[in-house]
Each structure stands twice: as C-alpha cells, then as structure tokens.
N, C-alpha and C. Protein backbone atom coordinates (compact mmCIF):
# COMPACT_ATOMS: atom_id res chain seq x y z
N MET A 1 21.56 157.54 35.59
CA MET A 1 22.06 159.36 36.35
C MET A 1 21.18 158.84 37.29
N THR A 2 20.03 157.98 37.86
CA THR A 2 20.17 158.01 39.47
C THR A 2 19.67 156.88 40.35
N ILE A 3 21.04 155.74 39.03
CA ILE A 3 21.49 154.66 39.48
C ILE A 3 22.77 154.78 40.54
N VAL A 4 23.34 156.57 39.70
CA VAL A 4 25.19 155.96 40.07
C VAL A 4 25.01 157.21 41.01
N ALA A 5 23.97 158.32 41.29
CA ALA A 5 23.56 158.71 42.58
C ALA A 5 22.51 157.52 43.44
N LEU A 6 22.02 156.61 43.63
CA LEU A 6 21.77 155.87 44.31
C LEU A 6 23.11 155.30 44.71
N MET A 7 24.06 154.33 44.13
CA MET A 7 25.39 153.79 43.76
C MET A 7 26.26 154.81 45.75
N CYS A 8 26.28 156.24 44.38
CA CYS A 8 26.92 157.45 45.62
C CYS A 8 26.13 157.38 47.29
N ALA A 9 25.83 156.59 47.42
CA ALA A 9 24.46 157.34 48.46
C ALA A 9 25.16 156.08 49.23
N VAL A 10 24.76 154.59 48.74
CA VAL A 10 24.80 153.83 49.48
C VAL A 10 26.01 153.74 50.02
N THR A 11 27.39 154.02 49.35
CA THR A 11 28.42 154.03 49.82
C THR A 11 29.17 155.02 50.42
N PHE A 12 28.05 155.67 50.76
CA PHE A 12 28.54 156.92 51.43
C PHE A 12 27.51 156.07 53.18
N GLN A 13 26.50 155.92 53.26
CA GLN A 13 26.35 154.49 53.83
C GLN A 13 27.06 153.81 54.93
N VAL A 14 27.35 152.66 53.66
CA VAL A 14 28.56 151.61 54.31
C VAL A 14 29.14 152.96 54.09
N ASN A 15 30.20 153.74 54.51
CA ASN A 15 31.26 153.41 55.17
C ASN A 15 31.38 154.80 56.62
N ALA A 16 30.34 154.93 56.72
CA ALA A 16 29.96 155.99 57.18
C ALA A 16 29.83 155.02 58.49
N GLN A 17 29.23 153.93 58.39
CA GLN A 17 28.91 153.13 59.60
C GLN A 17 29.82 152.19 59.91
N ASN A 18 31.01 151.91 58.98
CA ASN A 18 31.71 151.12 59.34
C ASN A 18 32.65 151.94 60.65
N SER A 19 32.83 153.63 59.69
CA SER A 19 34.10 154.58 60.89
C SER A 19 33.21 154.49 62.56
N ASP A 20 31.52 154.86 62.39
CA ASP A 20 30.95 154.76 63.63
C ASP A 20 31.60 153.64 64.34
N GLU A 21 31.64 151.73 64.17
CA GLU A 21 31.81 151.32 64.38
C GLU A 21 33.45 150.54 64.86
N GLN A 22 34.64 151.51 64.12
CA GLN A 22 35.60 151.38 64.63
C GLN A 22 35.69 152.53 65.80
N LEU A 23 35.10 153.78 64.77
CA LEU A 23 34.48 154.56 66.59
C LEU A 23 34.98 153.88 67.86
N GLN A 24 33.31 152.67 67.93
CA GLN A 24 33.10 152.68 68.81
C GLN A 24 33.65 151.63 69.74
N LYS A 25 34.45 150.62 68.51
CA LYS A 25 35.61 149.04 68.85
C LYS A 25 37.07 150.37 69.57
N LYS A 26 37.34 151.68 69.01
CA LYS A 26 38.55 152.41 69.46
C LYS A 26 37.88 152.39 71.06
N ALA A 27 36.94 153.52 71.12
CA ALA A 27 36.06 153.62 72.45
C ALA A 27 37.01 151.84 73.60
N LEU A 28 35.41 151.00 73.55
CA LEU A 28 35.71 149.81 74.20
C LEU A 28 36.87 149.97 74.57
N GLU A 29 38.38 149.91 73.95
CA GLU A 29 39.05 149.77 74.57
C GLU A 29 40.06 150.34 74.87
N VAL A 30 40.01 152.22 74.58
CA VAL A 30 39.75 153.26 75.60
C VAL A 30 39.80 152.79 77.37
N VAL A 31 38.41 152.19 77.28
CA VAL A 31 37.60 152.35 78.60
C VAL A 31 38.30 151.23 78.78
N LEU A 32 38.48 149.43 78.61
CA LEU A 32 37.90 149.09 79.16
C LEU A 32 40.09 149.16 79.65
N GLU A 33 41.34 149.68 79.54
CA GLU A 33 42.30 150.59 79.86
C GLU A 33 42.06 150.84 80.82
N ALA A 34 40.92 151.65 80.71
CA ALA A 34 41.02 152.55 81.97
C ALA A 34 40.42 151.37 83.54
N ALA A 35 39.42 151.36 83.07
CA ALA A 35 39.57 150.02 84.40
C ALA A 35 40.42 148.82 84.26
N LYS A 36 41.16 148.75 83.53
CA LYS A 36 41.96 148.23 84.21
C LYS A 36 43.45 148.91 85.25
N GLU A 37 43.74 150.36 84.80
CA GLU A 37 43.39 151.75 85.40
C GLU A 37 43.60 151.11 86.99
N ALA A 38 42.41 151.53 86.87
CA ALA A 38 40.85 151.34 88.41
C ALA A 38 41.56 150.43 89.46
N ASP A 39 41.60 149.40 88.76
CA ASP A 39 41.73 147.97 88.63
C ASP A 39 43.22 147.52 89.29
N ALA A 40 44.62 147.84 89.29
CA ALA A 40 45.53 148.01 89.89
C ALA A 40 45.25 149.29 90.45
N ASN A 41 45.07 150.57 90.47
CA ASN A 41 45.26 151.56 91.32
C ASN A 41 43.74 151.74 92.50
N PRO A 42 42.80 150.82 93.59
CA PRO A 42 41.59 150.64 93.92
C PRO A 42 42.11 151.62 95.18
N THR A 43 42.92 152.10 95.62
CA THR A 43 41.97 153.40 96.12
C THR A 43 42.79 154.39 95.03
N ASP A 44 43.20 154.73 93.82
CA ASP A 44 43.33 155.99 93.18
C ASP A 44 42.36 156.95 92.74
N GLY A 45 41.14 157.37 93.33
CA GLY A 45 39.52 158.04 93.10
C GLY A 45 39.57 158.18 91.29
N ARG A 46 40.73 159.61 91.16
CA ARG A 46 40.35 159.46 90.73
C ARG A 46 40.44 158.71 89.36
N LYS A 47 40.98 157.85 88.96
CA LYS A 47 41.36 156.52 87.81
C LYS A 47 39.80 155.55 88.39
N GLN A 48 39.72 155.40 88.94
CA GLN A 48 38.11 155.15 89.96
C GLN A 48 36.99 155.44 88.95
N TYR A 49 37.47 157.48 89.22
CA TYR A 49 36.36 158.21 88.41
C TYR A 49 36.42 158.45 86.90
N VAL A 50 37.39 157.68 86.37
CA VAL A 50 37.85 157.77 84.90
C VAL A 50 37.21 156.08 84.10
N ALA A 51 37.18 154.82 85.31
CA ALA A 51 36.29 153.74 85.24
C ALA A 51 35.07 153.99 84.52
N ALA A 52 34.10 154.98 85.38
CA ALA A 52 32.87 155.14 85.74
C ALA A 52 32.46 155.61 84.81
N ALA A 53 33.18 156.81 84.25
CA ALA A 53 32.66 157.79 82.54
C ALA A 53 32.75 156.48 82.13
N GLY A 54 34.08 156.17 81.81
CA GLY A 54 34.16 155.11 80.79
C GLY A 54 33.23 154.71 80.07
N PHE A 55 32.48 153.68 81.18
CA PHE A 55 31.90 152.62 81.11
C PHE A 55 29.94 153.32 80.36
N ASN A 56 29.89 154.56 81.23
CA ASN A 56 28.79 155.59 81.06
C ASN A 56 28.92 155.83 79.82
N MET A 57 29.90 156.01 78.74
CA MET A 57 29.84 156.69 77.14
C MET A 57 28.94 156.03 76.08
N ASP A 58 27.84 157.65 76.05
CA ASP A 58 27.43 156.97 74.27
C ASP A 58 28.15 156.15 73.69
N LEU A 59 29.03 156.24 73.28
CA LEU A 59 29.81 155.54 72.28
C LEU A 59 29.80 154.30 71.92
N LEU A 60 29.60 153.82 73.28
CA LEU A 60 29.74 152.35 72.91
C LEU A 60 28.54 151.43 72.82
N GLY A 61 27.92 152.16 72.98
CA GLY A 61 26.28 152.30 72.73
C GLY A 61 25.88 150.72 72.97
N ASP A 62 25.79 149.35 72.71
CA ASP A 62 25.07 148.12 73.96
C ASP A 62 26.23 147.62 74.27
N LYS A 63 27.13 148.26 74.05
CA LYS A 63 28.10 148.38 76.02
C LYS A 63 28.13 149.03 76.56
N VAL A 64 27.67 149.60 76.85
CA VAL A 64 27.52 150.21 77.49
C VAL A 64 27.31 149.71 79.33
N ASP A 65 27.90 149.63 80.35
CA ASP A 65 27.74 148.75 81.30
C ASP A 65 27.70 149.67 82.50
N LEU A 66 26.17 150.01 83.26
CA LEU A 66 25.81 150.81 84.04
C LEU A 66 26.18 150.55 85.33
N ASP A 67 26.05 148.82 85.71
CA ASP A 67 26.21 148.31 87.14
C ASP A 67 27.83 149.37 87.11
N ARG A 68 28.44 148.79 86.28
CA ARG A 68 30.29 148.59 85.87
C ARG A 68 30.57 150.04 86.49
N ALA A 69 29.86 151.14 85.82
CA ALA A 69 29.69 152.31 86.30
C ALA A 69 29.85 152.82 87.11
N LEU A 70 28.41 152.55 88.83
CA LEU A 70 28.44 152.99 89.49
C LEU A 70 28.94 152.25 90.55
N ALA A 71 29.87 150.75 90.02
CA ALA A 71 30.64 150.23 91.12
C ALA A 71 32.12 151.49 91.20
N TYR A 72 32.40 151.27 89.79
CA TYR A 72 33.84 152.55 89.81
C TYR A 72 33.22 153.75 90.32
N ALA A 73 31.91 154.32 90.95
CA ALA A 73 31.81 155.75 90.53
C ALA A 73 31.74 155.48 92.81
N ASN A 74 30.90 154.59 92.96
CA ASN A 74 30.95 154.45 94.48
C ASN A 74 32.39 154.15 95.28
N LYS A 75 33.17 153.74 94.31
CA LYS A 75 34.71 153.09 94.51
C LYS A 75 35.54 154.72 94.73
N ALA A 76 35.00 155.24 93.60
CA ALA A 76 35.68 156.95 93.72
C ALA A 76 35.31 158.06 94.92
N LEU A 77 33.99 157.91 95.53
CA LEU A 77 33.42 158.71 96.28
C LEU A 77 34.09 157.43 97.71
C-alpha cells in the first residue's frame, strides 16, 4: 500500500512539473509576440509597456530579462 501511495505522489509531482514547464513555454511565446509588436510599433507606448511588463513576469522563471524590460519601459515613457 505504501508503494502505491509513493507511486501516486511521484506521478502527481511529475505531472505538475510538466504543466509548469508548458505554462512557462506559453508565457514566453506570448512575451516574444508582444516584443515583436513593440518593435514593429516603436512609438506606441502601450505596446512598449506591455512588452516591458512581459519580460518582467515571474512566469518566465530564469528567462526574465530585466534589461530588456527596462529598455521597453523607457521607450514607453
């Protein structure tokens, strides 16, 4: 019974980790699309702000790019 419980716990943990990685990958895709829009419209402050916020999201994990976020924030201003 203990072995079955441990197998269930491990399976649950692996599934949770996979969904986090998928969420992080999707978030990065959205942020990169926002950056593409901001680069195509350099005078649109709203698009610059969205790109800046995107590169500063916790969902990106180790892909957070504070230098890029700051550059878009300065363009937005």
